[in-house]
Structure formats: C-alpha cells, structure tokens
C-alpha cells in the first residue's frame, strides 16, 4: 500500500514538472513571438466599406478613384494567423493588454495584399 502511494505521488510530481516546463516554453514562445511581430508579413487591406480597424501604426486612406470596388485602404497591420476564411490581424505596434486583435472574414467586399519579408 505504501509503495502504491509513493508511485502515485511520483506520477503526480512528474505531471506537475511537465506542466511547469510546458508553461515556461509557451511563455518564452509568446514573448519571442510578440517581440518579432514587426518582422511578420505586412498586410494592406482594401475594403468596399469603412471597417473599424485602428491602433498604433494603422493608417486608413480613402480611395477616390471612380469605379473602384474598394473605397478604403488600411495599412500598418500585421498578419497574426490565417485560417480557411478568417484572418487575425494586429496593429503594427501592437502591445499585449493594450491593443485589440482584429478578426476579418474573407469575402467579396475585402481584398488583402501580403507584403512578405
């Protein structure tokens, strides 16, 4: 019985150590990821309608060209993640706890150009 209790305690200690290691690796990765954000792909987003994207470094320009499908151009944004039809975008100078993450769904009213570094 005592051996079983010691074995259970040992397994619990191993699980705890692995979880602490995983937490530290994740925190280090997140810190590195945020510090490297200026090197992520830049996005220029064109939209038929004005959308609520803003933040440090984000610039919006109205496109005055007649006959253009897109009327607004957004720059100063970075690509965080892309899924099948959704983009997660950040302001160029994004800071954790201060700035928002923008969720943009791909459709005919939006066009994105990616500037790869």
Protein backbone atom coordinates (compact mmCIF):
# COMPACT_ATOMS: atom_id res chain seq x y z
CA UNK A 1 0.00 0.00 0.00
CA UNK A 2 2.82 2.36 0.87
CA UNK A 3 4.55 1.60 -2.46
CA UNK A 4 1.34 2.43 -4.34
CA UNK A 5 1.07 5.78 -2.53
CA UNK A 6 4.70 6.58 -3.36
CA UNK A 7 4.14 5.63 -7.00
CA UNK A 8 1.06 7.88 -7.21
CA UNK A 9 2.99 10.73 -5.61
CA UNK A 10 5.86 10.21 -8.06
CA UNK A 11 3.48 10.28 -11.04
CA UNK A 12 1.86 13.44 -9.70
CA UNK A 13 5.30 15.07 -9.39
CA UNK A 14 6.15 14.12 -12.99
CA UNK A 15 2.87 15.56 -14.30
CA UNK A 16 3.47 18.75 -12.31
CA UNK A 17 7.04 19.09 -13.64
CA UNK A 18 5.91 18.55 -17.24
CA UNK A 19 3.14 21.15 -16.86
CA UNK A 20 5.61 23.69 -15.42
CA UNK A 21 8.01 23.03 -18.30
CA UNK A 22 5.21 23.40 -20.88
CA UNK A 23 4.09 26.67 -19.28
CA UNK A 24 7.62 28.08 -19.43
CA UNK A 25 8.14 27.00 -23.05
CA UNK A 26 4.80 28.58 -24.01
CA UNK A 27 5.59 31.82 -22.19
CA UNK A 28 9.02 32.03 -23.85
CA UNK A 29 7.47 31.39 -27.27
CA UNK A 30 4.81 34.07 -26.73
CA UNK A 31 7.43 36.61 -25.64
CA UNK A 32 9.58 35.86 -28.68
CA UNK A 33 6.53 35.94 -30.97
CA UNK A 34 5.44 39.38 -29.70
CA UNK A 35 8.97 40.77 -29.96
CA UNK A 36 9.24 39.50 -33.54
CA UNK A 37 5.88 40.96 -34.62
CA UNK A 38 7.44 43.80 -36.68
CA UNK A 39 9.01 41.10 -38.89
CA UNK A 40 5.69 39.37 -39.62
CA UNK A 41 4.09 39.78 -43.01
CA UNK A 42 2.58 43.21 -43.53
CA UNK A 43 -0.97 43.37 -44.83
CA UNK A 44 -2.57 46.03 -47.00
CA UNK A 45 -6.32 45.61 -46.73
CA UNK A 46 -8.79 47.09 -49.21
CA UNK A 47 -12.45 47.36 -48.26
CA UNK A 48 -15.64 48.41 -50.01
CA UNK A 49 -16.98 49.83 -46.73
CA UNK A 50 -15.25 51.53 -43.83
CA UNK A 51 -14.38 48.98 -41.14
CA UNK A 52 -13.31 49.56 -37.55
CA UNK A 53 -9.61 48.78 -37.73
CA UNK A 54 -7.29 51.05 -35.81
CA UNK A 55 -4.42 51.12 -33.40
CA UNK A 56 -0.80 52.17 -33.20
CA UNK A 57 0.67 52.35 -36.69
CA UNK A 58 -2.57 51.65 -38.57
CA UNK A 59 -3.32 54.08 -41.39
CA UNK A 60 -6.53 54.36 -43.37
CA UNK A 61 -6.80 56.14 -46.69
CA UNK A 62 -9.91 56.79 -48.72
CA UNK A 63 -9.60 55.66 -52.33
CA UNK A 64 -11.09 58.34 -54.54
CA UNK A 65 -10.77 56.51 -57.82
CA UNK A 66 -14.16 56.36 -59.51
CA UNK A 67 -15.41 52.93 -60.46
CA UNK A 68 -13.20 51.22 -57.88
CA UNK A 69 -14.79 48.35 -55.97
CA UNK A 70 -12.75 49.25 -52.90
CA UNK A 71 -13.08 52.64 -51.23
CA UNK A 72 -10.74 52.29 -48.22
CA UNK A 73 -7.14 51.15 -47.85
CA UNK A 74 -5.74 50.05 -44.49
CA UNK A 75 -2.01 49.69 -43.90
CA UNK A 76 0.18 49.30 -40.84
CA UNK A 77 -1.29 45.93 -39.92
CA UNK A 78 0.36 42.56 -39.45
CA UNK A 79 -0.87 39.04 -40.05
CA UNK A 80 -1.10 37.01 -36.86
CA UNK A 81 -2.88 33.87 -38.10
CA UNK A 82 -4.80 32.79 -41.18
CA UNK A 83 -7.36 30.01 -41.24
CA UNK A 84 -9.57 28.84 -44.08
CA UNK A 85 -11.60 32.04 -44.47
CA UNK A 86 -10.56 34.15 -41.49
CA UNK A 87 -7.57 36.39 -40.78
CA UNK A 88 -6.42 37.57 -37.38
CA UNK A 89 -4.71 40.93 -37.80
CA UNK A 90 -2.81 43.14 -35.39
CA UNK A 91 -1.83 46.81 -35.48
CA UNK A 92 1.80 47.30 -36.50
CA UNK A 93 2.87 48.37 -33.00
CA UNK A 94 0.56 46.01 -31.11
CA UNK A 95 1.11 45.59 -27.36
CA UNK A 96 -0.42 42.91 -25.19
CA UNK A 97 -3.09 44.22 -22.87
CA UNK A 98 -3.42 47.50 -24.74
CA UNK A 99 -4.40 46.78 -28.34
CA UNK A 100 -7.05 44.66 -30.00
CA UNK A 101 -6.81 41.73 -32.38
CA UNK A 102 -8.99 42.14 -35.49
CA UNK A 103 -10.91 39.22 -36.95
CA UNK A 104 -11.52 39.68 -40.67
CA UNK A 105 -13.58 37.19 -42.62
CA UNK A 106 -12.74 36.74 -46.27
CA UNK A 107 -15.50 37.85 -48.65
CA UNK A 108 -16.02 39.80 -51.88
CA UNK A 109 -16.00 43.20 -50.14
CA UNK A 110 -12.41 42.79 -48.92
CA UNK A 111 -9.08 42.26 -50.64
CA UNK A 112 -5.75 41.74 -48.92
CA UNK A 113 -2.28 42.16 -50.28
CA UNK A 114 0.52 40.49 -48.34
CA UNK A 115 3.96 42.04 -48.20
CA UNK A 116 6.32 39.14 -47.46
CA UNK A 117 9.61 39.95 -45.80
